[in-house]
PDB file of all heavy atoms in Angstrom:
ATOM      1  N   THR A   1      96.708  65.935 139.386  1.00  0.00           N
ATOM      2  CA  THR A   1      97.229  64.628 139.766  1.00  0.00           C
ATOM      3  C   THR A   1      96.500  63.549 138.977  1.00  0.00           C
ATOM      4  O   THR A   1      95.287  63.395 139.108  1.00  0.00           O
ATOM      5  CB  THR A   1      97.048  64.386 141.274  1.00  0.00           C
ATOM      6  OG1 THR A   1      97.748  65.404 142.003  1.00  0.00           O
ATOM      7  CG2 THR A   1      97.599  63.023 141.668  1.00  0.00           C
ATOM      8  N   LEU A   2      97.235  62.830 138.156  1.00  0.00           N
ATOM      9  CA  LEU A   2      96.635  61.814 137.305  1.00  0.00           C
ATOM     10  C   LEU A   2      96.213  60.608 138.141  1.00  0.00           C
ATOM     11  O   LEU A   2      96.953  60.164 139.021  1.00  0.00           O
ATOM     12  CB  LEU A   2      97.611  61.380 136.216  1.00  0.00           C
ATOM     13  CG  LEU A   2      98.101  62.504 135.290  1.00  0.00           C
ATOM     14  CD1 LEU A   2      99.099  61.943 134.288  1.00  0.00           C
ATOM     15  CD2 LEU A   2      96.928  63.157 134.574  1.00  0.00           C
ATOM     16  N   PRO A   3      95.050  60.026 137.867  1.00  0.00           N
ATOM     17  CA  PRO A   3      94.587  58.865 138.648  1.00  0.00           C
ATOM     18  C   PRO A   3      95.313  57.592 138.226  1.00  0.00           C
ATOM     19  O   PRO A   3      95.884  57.500 137.126  1.00  0.00           O
ATOM     20  CB  PRO A   3      93.104  58.790 138.299  1.00  0.00           C
ATOM     21  CG  PRO A   3      93.024  59.351 136.915  1.00  0.00           C
ATOM     22  CD  PRO A   3      94.059  60.447 136.859  1.00  0.00           C
ATOM     23  N   ALA A   4      95.274  56.611 139.090  1.00  0.00           N
ATOM     24  CA  ALA A   4      95.781  55.285 138.738  1.00  0.00           C
ATOM     25  C   ALA A   4      94.717  54.581 137.900  1.00  0.00           C
ATOM     26  O   ALA A   4      93.525  54.685 138.175  1.00  0.00           O
ATOM     27  CB  ALA A   4      96.087  54.482 139.988  1.00  0.00           C
ATOM     28  N   ALA A   5      95.162  53.886 136.864  1.00  0.00           N
ATOM     29  CA  ALA A   5      94.230  53.165 135.994  1.00  0.00           C
ATOM     30  C   ALA A   5      94.398  51.663 136.184  1.00  0.00           C
ATOM     31  O   ALA A   5      95.493  51.177 136.476  1.00  0.00           O
ATOM     32  CB  ALA A   5      94.476  53.544 134.538  1.00  0.00           C
ATOM     33  N   THR A   6      93.310  50.929 136.043  1.00  0.00           N
ATOM     34  CA  THR A   6      93.357  49.466 136.196  1.00  0.00           C
ATOM     35  C   THR A   6      92.650  48.800 135.029  1.00  0.00           C
ATOM     36  O   THR A   6      91.746  49.372 134.419  1.00  0.00           O
ATOM     37  CB  THR A   6      92.699  49.021 137.510  1.00  0.00           C
ATOM     38  OG1 THR A   6      91.324  49.467 137.531  1.00  0.00           O
ATOM     39  CG2 THR A   6      93.424  49.598 138.712  1.00  0.00           C
ATOM     40  N   ASN A   7      93.092  47.571 134.737  1.00  0.00           N
ATOM     41  CA  ASN A   7      92.495  46.762 133.693  1.00  0.00           C
ATOM     42  C   ASN A   7      92.700  45.301 134.090  1.00  0.00           C
ATOM     43  O   ASN A   7      93.823  44.908 134.421  1.00  0.00           O
ATOM     44  CB  ASN A   7      93.146  47.057 132.335  1.00  0.00           C
ATOM     45  CG  ASN A   7      92.437  46.394 131.175  1.00  0.00           C
ATOM     46  OD1 ASN A   7      92.140  45.208 131.206  1.00  0.00           O
ATOM     47  ND2 ASN A   7      92.165  47.170 130.133  1.00  0.00           N
ATOM     48  N   VAL A   8      91.635  44.503 134.073  1.00  0.00           N
ATOM     49  CA  VAL A   8      91.744  43.132 134.570  1.00  0.00           C
ATOM     50  C   VAL A   8      92.667  42.279 133.714  1.00  0.00           C
ATOM     51  O   VAL A   8      93.190  41.257 134.172  1.00  0.00           O
ATOM     52  CB  VAL A   8      90.352  42.467 134.645  1.00  0.00           C
ATOM     53  CG1 VAL A   8      89.486  43.145 135.685  1.00  0.00           C
ATOM     54  CG2 VAL A   8      89.656  42.477 133.281  1.00  0.00           C
ATOM     55  N   ASN A   9      92.916  42.688 132.481  1.00  0.00           N
ATOM     56  CA  ASN A   9      93.722  41.870 131.575  1.00  0.00           C
ATOM     57  C   ASN A   9      95.105  42.438 131.278  1.00  0.00           C
ATOM     58  O   ASN A   9      95.946  41.720 130.733  1.00  0.00           O
ATOM     59  CB  ASN A   9      92.976  41.676 130.246  1.00  0.00           C
ATOM     60  CG  ASN A   9      91.676  40.927 130.407  1.00  0.00           C
ATOM     61  OD1 ASN A   9      91.633  39.899 131.069  1.00  0.00           O
ATOM     62  ND2 ASN A   9      90.611  41.447 129.822  1.00  0.00           N
ATOM     63  N   TYR A  10      95.343  43.703 131.619  1.00  0.00           N
ATOM     64  CA  TYR A  10      96.598  44.340 131.229  1.00  0.00           C
ATOM     65  C   TYR A  10      97.157  45.181 132.369  1.00  0.00           C
ATOM     66  O   TYR A  10      96.445  45.570 133.294  1.00  0.00           O
ATOM     67  CB  TYR A  10      96.391  45.244 129.999  1.00  0.00           C
ATOM     68  CG  TYR A  10      95.814  44.532 128.805  1.00  0.00           C
ATOM     69  CD1 TYR A  10      94.437  44.599 128.531  1.00  0.00           C
ATOM     70  CD2 TYR A  10      96.609  43.785 127.957  1.00  0.00           C
ATOM     71  CE1 TYR A  10      93.895  43.945 127.432  1.00  0.00           C
ATOM     72  CE2 TYR A  10      96.086  43.135 126.855  1.00  0.00           C
ATOM     73  CZ  TYR A  10      94.727  43.219 126.601  1.00  0.00           C
ATOM     74  OH  TYR A  10      94.191  42.569 125.521  1.00  0.00           O
ATOM     75  N   ALA A  11      98.451  45.469 132.248  1.00  0.00           N
ATOM     76  CA  ALA A  11      99.115  46.359 133.205  1.00  0.00           C
ATOM     77  C   ALA A  11      99.146  47.772 132.630  1.00  0.00           C
ATOM     78  O   ALA A  11      99.335  47.958 131.419  1.00  0.00           O
ATOM     79  CB  ALA A  11     100.535  45.872 133.475  1.00  0.00           C
ATOM     80  N   HIS A  12      98.964  48.746 133.506  1.00  0.00           N
ATOM     81  CA  HIS A  12      98.971  50.146 133.057  1.00  0.00           C
ATOM     82  C   HIS A  12     100.408  50.613 132.870  1.00  0.00           C
ATOM     83  O   HIS A  12     101.194  50.650 133.813  1.00  0.00           O
ATOM     84  CB  HIS A  12      98.260  51.018 134.093  1.00  0.00           C
ATOM     85  CG  HIS A  12      98.108  52.437 133.675  1.00  0.00           C
ATOM     86  ND1 HIS A  12      98.163  53.482 134.568  1.00  0.00           N
ATOM     87  CD2 HIS A  12      97.919  52.998 132.449  1.00  0.00           C
ATOM     88  CE1 HIS A  12      98.003  54.617 133.926  1.00  0.00           C
ATOM     89  NE2 HIS A  12      97.845  54.343 132.640  1.00  0.00           N
ATOM     90  N   LEU A  13     100.736  50.996 131.634  1.00  0.00           N
ATOM     91  CA  LEU A  13     102.084  51.484 131.343  1.00  0.00           C
ATOM     92  C   LEU A  13     102.239  52.950 131.682  1.00  0.00           C
ATOM     93  O   LEU A  13     103.188  53.359 132.352  1.00  0.00           O
ATOM     94  CB  LEU A  13     102.400  51.261 129.852  1.00  0.00           C
ATOM     95  CG  LEU A  13     102.635  49.832 129.388  1.00  0.00           C
ATOM     96  CD1 LEU A  13     102.874  49.811 127.887  1.00  0.00           C
ATOM     97  CD2 LEU A  13     103.814  49.220 130.132  1.00  0.00           C
ATOM     98  N   ALA A  14     101.301  53.752 131.173  1.00  0.00           N
ATOM     99  CA  ALA A  14     101.414  55.208 131.350  1.00  0.00           C
ATOM    100  C   ALA A  14     100.151  55.863 130.818  1.00  0.00           C
ATOM    101  O   ALA A  14      99.291  55.212 130.204  1.00  0.00           O
ATOM    102  CB  ALA A  14     102.633  55.733 130.602  1.00  0.00           C
ATOM    103  N   TRP A  15     100.049  57.165 131.048  1.00  0.00           N
ATOM    104  CA  TRP A  15      99.060  57.989 130.371  1.00  0.00           C
ATOM    105  C   TRP A  15      99.752  58.639 129.175  1.00  0.00           C
ATOM    106  O   TRP A  15     100.883  59.098 129.286  1.00  0.00           O
ATOM    107  CB  TRP A  15      98.499  59.063 131.296  1.00  0.00           C
ATOM    108  CG  TRP A  15      97.631  58.542 132.396  1.00  0.00           C
ATOM    109  CD1 TRP A  15      97.963  58.390 133.700  1.00  0.00           C
ATOM    110  CD2 TRP A  15      96.271  58.098 132.277  1.00  0.00           C
ATOM    111  NE1 TRP A  15      96.911  57.875 134.413  1.00  0.00           N
ATOM    112  CE2 TRP A  15      95.846  57.691 133.568  1.00  0.00           C
ATOM    113  CE3 TRP A  15      95.380  58.005 131.215  1.00  0.00           C
ATOM    114  CZ2 TRP A  15      94.569  57.204 133.811  1.00  0.00           C
ATOM    115  CZ3 TRP A  15      94.099  57.516 131.458  1.00  0.00           C
ATOM    116  CH2 TRP A  15      93.703  57.126 132.745  1.00  0.00           C
ATOM    117  N   ALA A  16      99.076  58.657 128.033  1.00  0.00           N
ATOM    118  CA  ALA A  16      99.644  59.251 126.825  1.00  0.00           C
ATOM    119  C   ALA A  16      98.821  60.463 126.422  1.00  0.00           C
ATOM    120  O   ALA A  16      97.600  60.488 126.597  1.00  0.00           O
ATOM    121  CB  ALA A  16      99.667  58.237 125.692  1.00  0.00           C
ATOM    122  N   GLN A  17      99.487  61.443 125.864  1.00  0.00           N
ATOM    123  CA  GLN A  17      98.809  62.673 125.465  1.00  0.00           C
ATOM    124  C   GLN A  17      98.283  62.539 124.040  1.00  0.00           C
ATOM    125  O   GLN A  17      99.017  62.182 123.127  1.00  0.00           O
ATOM    126  CB  GLN A  17      99.777  63.854 125.554  1.00  0.00           C
ATOM    127  CG  GLN A  17      99.130  65.209 125.262  1.00  0.00           C
ATOM    128  CD  GLN A  17     100.076  66.353 125.532  1.00  0.00           C
ATOM    129  OE1 GLN A  17     100.817  66.337 126.501  1.00  0.00           O
ATOM    130  NE2 GLN A  17     100.061  67.350 124.670  1.00  0.00           N
ATOM    131  N   GLY A  18      96.988  62.797 123.866  1.00  0.00           N
ATOM    132  CA  GLY A  18      96.377  62.782 122.539  1.00  0.00           C
ATOM    133  C   GLY A  18      95.802  61.438 122.161  1.00  0.00           C
ATOM    134  O   GLY A  18      94.603  61.310 121.924  1.00  0.00           O
ATOM    135  N   ASP A  19      96.639  60.407 122.066  1.00  0.00           N
ATOM    136  CA  ASP A  19      96.196  59.047 121.775  1.00  0.00           C
ATOM    137  C   ASP A  19      97.258  58.087 122.296  1.00  0.00           C
ATOM    138  O   ASP A  19      98.268  58.523 122.862  1.00  0.00           O
ATOM    139  CB  ASP A  19      95.911  58.842 120.285  1.00  0.00           C
ATOM    140  CG  ASP A  19      97.114  59.164 119.405  1.00  0.00           C
ATOM    141  OD1 ASP A  19      98.250  58.778 119.754  1.00  0.00           O
ATOM    142  OD2 ASP A  19      96.919  59.796 118.352  1.00  0.00           O
ATOM    143  N   ILE A  20      97.065  56.785 122.069  1.00  0.00           N
ATOM    144  CA  ILE A  20      97.989  55.818 122.656  1.00  0.00           C
ATOM    145  C   ILE A  20      99.387  55.908 122.048  1.00  0.00           C
ATOM    146  O   ILE A  20     100.339  55.380 122.608  1.00  0.00           O
ATOM    147  CB  ILE A  20      97.456  54.378 122.509  1.00  0.00           C
ATOM    148  CG1 ILE A  20      97.237  54.019 121.028  1.00  0.00           C
ATOM    149  CG2 ILE A  20      96.177  54.193 123.306  1.00  0.00           C
ATOM    150  CD1 ILE A  20      96.889  52.563 120.816  1.00  0.00           C
ATOM    151  N   ASN A  21      99.494  56.580 120.919  1.00  0.00           N
ATOM    152  CA  ASN A  21     100.816  56.765 120.302  1.00  0.00           C
ATOM    153  C   ASN A  21     101.452  58.086 120.701  1.00  0.00           C
ATOM    154  O   ASN A  21     102.562  58.400 120.252  1.00  0.00           O
ATOM    155  CB  ASN A  21     100.694  56.691 118.777  1.00  0.00           C
ATOM    156  CG  ASN A  21     100.209  55.332 118.298  1.00  0.00           C
ATOM    157  OD1 ASN A  21     100.708  54.310 118.750  1.00  0.00           O
ATOM    158  ND2 ASN A  21      99.227  55.331 117.409  1.00  0.00           N
ATOM    159  N   GLY A  22     100.755  58.848 121.530  1.00  0.00           N
ATOM    160  CA  GLY A  22     101.291  60.132 121.958  1.00  0.00           C
ATOM    161  C   GLY A  22     102.356  59.982 123.021  1.00  0.00           C
ATOM    162  O   GLY A  22     102.612  58.893 123.545  1.00  0.00           O
ATOM    163  N   ALA A  23     102.956  61.091 123.356  1.00  0.00           N
ATOM    164  CA  ALA A  23     104.026  61.099 124.358  1.00  0.00           C
ATOM    165  C   ALA A  23     103.469  60.741 125.723  1.00  0.00           C
ATOM    166  O   ALA A  23     102.378  61.185 126.106  1.00  0.00           O
ATOM    167  CB  ALA A  23     104.685  62.465 124.407  1.00  0.00           C
ATOM    168  N   SER A  24     104.208  59.909 126.466  1.00  0.00           N
ATOM    169  CA  SER A  24     103.799  59.551 127.828  1.00  0.00           C
ATOM    170  C   SER A  24     103.977  60.750 128.737  1.00  0.00           C
ATOM    171  O   SER A  24     104.924  61.535 128.592  1.00  0.00           O
ATOM    172  CB  SER A  24     104.627  58.374 128.339  1.00  0.00           C
ATOM    173  OG  SER A  24     104.380  57.218 127.571  1.00  0.00           O
ATOM    174  N   ILE A  25     103.058  60.919 129.678  1.00  0.00           N
ATOM    175  CA  ILE A  25     103.134  62.036 130.608  1.00  0.00           C
ATOM    176  C   ILE A  25     103.154  61.477 132.033  1.00  0.00           C
ATOM    177  O   ILE A  25     102.733  60.350 132.279  1.00  0.00           O
ATOM    178  CB  ILE A  25     101.958  63.012 130.429  1.00  0.00           C
ATOM    179  CG1 ILE A  25     100.616  62.282 130.625  1.00  0.00           C
ATOM    180  CG2 ILE A  25     102.011  63.663 129.058  1.00  0.00           C
ATOM    181  CD1 ILE A  25      99.417  63.193 130.546  1.00  0.00           C
ATOM    182  N   THR A  26     103.647  62.268 132.937  1.00  0.00           N
ATOM    183  CA  THR A  26     103.753  61.844 134.327  1.00  0.00           C
ATOM    184  C   THR A  26     102.904  62.738 135.215  1.00  0.00           C
ATOM    185  O   THR A  26     102.503  63.835 134.826  1.00  0.00           O
ATOM    186  CB  THR A  26     105.215  61.893 134.802  1.00  0.00           C
ATOM    187  OG1 THR A  26     105.717  63.231 134.633  1.00  0.00           O
ATOM    188  CG2 THR A  26     106.076  60.923 134.006  1.00  0.00           C
ATOM    189  N   SER A  27     102.628  62.246 136.387  1.00  0.00           N
ATOM    190  CA  SER A  27     101.831  62.983 137.370  1.00  0.00           C
ATOM    191  C   SER A  27     102.754  63.591 138.422  1.00  0.00           C
ATOM    192  O   SER A  27     103.754  62.975 138.810  1.00  0.00           O
ATOM    193  CB  SER A  27     100.842  62.042 138.042  1.00  0.00           C
ATOM    194  OG  SER A  27      99.993  62.719 138.923  1.00  0.00           O
ATOM    195  N   PRO A  28     102.447  64.830 138.853  1.00  0.00           N
ATOM    196  CA  PRO A  28     101.335  65.702 138.439  1.00  0.00           C
ATOM    197  C   PRO A  28     101.591  66.311 137.063  1.00  0.00           C
ATOM    198  O   PRO A  28     102.731  66.521 136.665  1.00  0.00           O
ATOM    199  CB  PRO A  28     101.297  66.764 139.531  1.00  0.00           C
ATOM    200  CG  PRO A  28     102.704  66.834 140.025  1.00  0.00           C
ATOM    201  CD  PRO A  28     103.245  65.430 139.950  1.00  0.00           C
ATOM    202  N   TYR A  29     100.489  66.585 136.365  1.00  0.00           N
ATOM    203  CA  TYR A  29     100.559  67.048 134.976  1.00  0.00           C
ATOM    204  C   TYR A  29      99.995  68.459 134.902  1.00  0.00           C
ATOM    205  O   TYR A  29      98.890  68.728 135.370  1.00  0.00           O
ATOM    206  CB  TYR A  29      99.752  66.099 134.094  1.00  0.00           C
ATOM    207  CG  TYR A  29      99.601  66.540 132.661  1.00  0.00           C
ATOM    208  CD1 TYR A  29     100.701  66.602 131.813  1.00  0.00           C
ATOM    209  CD2 TYR A  29      98.346  66.873 132.150  1.00  0.00           C
ATOM    210  CE1 TYR A  29     100.565  66.991 130.491  1.00  0.00           C
ATOM    211  CE2 TYR A  29      98.195  67.254 130.828  1.00  0.00           C
ATOM    212  CZ  TYR A  29      99.309  67.314 130.008  1.00  0.00           C
ATOM    213  OH  TYR A  29      99.170  67.693 128.700  1.00  0.00           O
ATOM    214  N   GLN A  30     100.748  69.371 134.292  1.00  0.00           N
ATOM    215  CA  GLN A  30     100.287  70.754 134.155  1.00  0.00           C
ATOM    216  C   GLN A  30      99.466  70.877 132.871  1.00  0.00           C
ATOM    217  O   GLN A  30      99.970  70.646 131.768  1.00  0.00           O
ATOM    218  CB  GLN A  30     101.456  71.739 134.122  1.00  0.00           C
ATOM    219  CG  GLN A  30     100.992  73.193 134.172  1.00  0.00           C
ATOM    220  CD  GLN A  30     102.154  74.169 134.269  1.00  0.00           C
ATOM    221  OE1 GLN A  30     103.227  73.921 133.736  1.00  0.00           O
ATOM    222  NE2 GLN A  30     101.940  75.288 134.957  1.00  0.00           N
TER     223      GLN A  30
END
């Protein structure tokens, strides 16, 4: 289960695999 991420200046779009240009993944993640 992927955690929620926070940033005081930005909104969290998604978790990406590998780097910020990688494919977005959803929770739960295998």
